[in-house]
């Protein structure tokens, strides 16, 4: 199945939004939907950091999936954002 994720980020003194649709395992999502979405978002944010050569001021302002489900704190618990 696919979930829709929006990430509001800050880097190089600029705030920006990235959004997309991501595949997740249906069984994982049924068991722990928020955590499954957080892991997918974390992996995507790591790709964004690499692609945009994120600066020292990089931060996650907000992460939302499937319209309005807030998971920012869970994403930050997946692994420390460095």
C-alpha atoms as a PDB file:
ATOM      1  CA  UNK A   1       0.000   0.000   0.000  1.00  0.00           C
ATOM      2  CA  UNK A   2       1.033   3.636  -0.370  1.00  0.00           C
ATOM      3  CA  UNK A   3       0.933   6.473   2.133  1.00  0.00           C
ATOM      4  CA  UNK A   4       1.192  10.203   1.449  1.00  0.00           C
ATOM      5  CA  UNK A   5       3.846  12.084   3.403  1.00  0.00           C
ATOM      6  CA  UNK A   6       4.505  15.812   3.744  1.00  0.00           C
ATOM      7  CA  UNK A   7       7.699  17.035   5.380  1.00  0.00           C
ATOM      8  CA  UNK A   8       8.288  20.647   6.346  1.00  0.00           C
ATOM      9  CA  UNK A   9      12.025  21.196   6.585  1.00  0.00           C
ATOM     10  CA  UNK A  10      14.510  23.995   7.194  1.00  0.00           C
ATOM     11  CA  UNK A  11      17.972  24.207   5.639  1.00  0.00           C
ATOM     12  CA  UNK A  12      20.311  26.980   4.580  1.00  0.00           C
ATOM     13  CA  UNK A  13      18.038  29.567   6.184  1.00  0.00           C
ATOM     14  CA  UNK A  14      15.041  28.497   4.097  1.00  0.00           C
ATOM     15  CA  UNK A  15      11.872  26.613   4.989  1.00  0.00           C
ATOM     16  CA  UNK A  16      10.555  24.209   2.374  1.00  0.00           C
ATOM     17  CA  UNK A  17       7.956  21.504   1.839  1.00  0.00           C
ATOM     18  CA  UNK A  18       8.444  18.146   0.175  1.00  0.00           C
ATOM     19  CA  UNK A  19       5.583  15.734  -0.384  1.00  0.00           C
ATOM     20  CA  UNK A  20       5.157  12.367  -2.006  1.00  0.00           C
ATOM     21  CA  UNK A  21       3.582   8.943  -1.984  1.00  0.00           C
ATOM     22  CA  UNK A  22       5.551   6.009  -0.561  1.00  0.00           C
ATOM     23  CA  UNK A  23       5.040   2.240  -0.498  1.00  0.00           C
ATOM     24  CA  UNK A  24       4.875   0.520   2.891  1.00  0.00           C
ATOM     25  CA  UNK A  25       4.236  -3.092   3.822  1.00  0.00           C
ATOM     26  CA  UNK A  26       0.536  -3.550   4.402  1.00  0.00           C
ATOM     27  CA  UNK A  27       1.110  -5.921   7.354  1.00  0.00           C
ATOM     28  CA  UNK A  28       3.470  -3.448   9.081  1.00  0.00           C
ATOM     29  CA  UNK A  29       1.064  -0.580   8.513  1.00  0.00           C
ATOM     30  CA  UNK A  30      -1.876  -2.505   9.959  1.00  0.00           C
ATOM     31  CA  UNK A  31       0.161  -3.391  13.053  1.00  0.00           C
ATOM     32  CA  UNK A  32       1.792   0.017  13.706  1.00  0.00           C
ATOM     33  CA  UNK A  33       0.622   2.648  11.207  1.00  0.00           C
ATOM     34  CA  UNK A  34       2.275   5.703  12.778  1.00  0.00           C
ATOM     35  CA  UNK A  35       5.631   3.979  13.333  1.00  0.00           C
ATOM     36  CA  UNK A  36       5.628   2.501   9.812  1.00  0.00           C
ATOM     37  CA  UNK A  37       4.953   5.954   8.371  1.00  0.00           C
ATOM     38  CA  UNK A  38       7.675   7.463  10.580  1.00  0.00           C
ATOM     39  CA  UNK A  39      10.282   4.994   9.311  1.00  0.00           C
ATOM     40  CA  UNK A  40       9.327   5.716   5.685  1.00  0.00           C
ATOM     41  CA  UNK A  41       9.498   9.463   6.349  1.00  0.00           C
ATOM     42  CA  UNK A  42      12.862   9.170   8.105  1.00  0.00           C
ATOM     43  CA  UNK A  43      14.378   7.251   5.186  1.00  0.00           C
ATOM     44  CA  UNK A  44      13.056   9.822   2.731  1.00  0.00           C
ATOM     45  CA  UNK A  45      14.356  12.746   4.810  1.00  0.00           C
ATOM     46  CA  UNK A  46      17.807  11.160   4.778  1.00  0.00           C
ATOM     47  CA  UNK A  47      17.649  11.087   0.959  1.00  0.00           C
ATOM     48  CA  UNK A  48      16.539  14.727   0.902  1.00  0.00           C
ATOM     49  CA  UNK A  49      19.470  15.691   3.127  1.00  0.00           C
ATOM     50  CA  UNK A  50      21.912  14.021   0.743  1.00  0.00           C
ATOM     51  CA  UNK A  51      20.306  15.381  -2.450  1.00  0.00           C
ATOM     52  CA  UNK A  52      20.112  18.960  -1.179  1.00  0.00           C
ATOM     53  CA  UNK A  53      23.490  18.944   0.601  1.00  0.00           C
ATOM     54  CA  UNK A  54      21.786  19.979   3.825  1.00  0.00           C
ATOM     55  CA  UNK A  55      23.504  22.593   5.940  1.00  0.00           C
ATOM     56  CA  UNK A  56      24.308  22.676   9.654  1.00  0.00           C
ATOM     57  CA  UNK A  57      20.981  24.392  10.350  1.00  0.00           C
ATOM     58  CA  UNK A  58      18.993  21.473   8.862  1.00  0.00           C
ATOM     59  CA  UNK A  59      15.941  20.603  10.922  1.00  0.00           C
ATOM     60  CA  UNK A  60      12.582  18.927  10.637  1.00  0.00           C
ATOM     61  CA  UNK A  61       9.757  21.333  11.398  1.00  0.00           C
ATOM     62  CA  UNK A  62       6.824  18.977  10.827  1.00  0.00           C
ATOM     63  CA  UNK A  63       5.992  15.575   9.340  1.00  0.00           C
ATOM     64  CA  UNK A  64       2.423  14.636   8.412  1.00  0.00           C
ATOM     65  CA  UNK A  65       1.050  11.582   6.657  1.00  0.00           C
ATOM     66  CA  UNK A  66      -2.270  10.731   5.020  1.00  0.00           C
ATOM     67  CA  UNK A  67      -3.593  14.260   5.266  1.00  0.00           C
ATOM     68  CA  UNK A  68      -3.406  15.284   8.912  1.00  0.00           C
ATOM     69  CA  UNK A  69      -1.680  12.663  11.059  1.00  0.00           C
ATOM     70  CA  UNK A  70       1.246  14.341  12.851  1.00  0.00           C
ATOM     71  CA  UNK A  71       4.306  12.091  13.341  1.00  0.00           C
ATOM     72  CA  UNK A  72       7.170  14.575  13.777  1.00  0.00           C
ATOM     73  CA  UNK A  73       8.225  13.274  17.199  1.00  0.00           C
ATOM     74  CA  UNK A  74       8.147   9.655  16.036  1.00  0.00           C
ATOM     75  CA  UNK A  75      10.340  10.467  13.023  1.00  0.00           C
ATOM     76  CA  UNK A  76      12.900  12.061  15.341  1.00  0.00           C
ATOM     77  CA  UNK A  77      12.899   8.864  17.456  1.00  0.00           C
ATOM     78  CA  UNK A  78      13.681   6.570  14.515  1.00  0.00           C
ATOM     79  CA  UNK A  79      17.320   7.699  14.646  1.00  0.00           C
ATOM     80  CA  UNK A  80      18.833  11.014  15.622  1.00  0.00           C
ATOM     81  CA  UNK A  81      18.787  13.470  12.721  1.00  0.00           C
ATOM     82  CA  UNK A  82      22.384  14.611  12.322  1.00  0.00           C
END
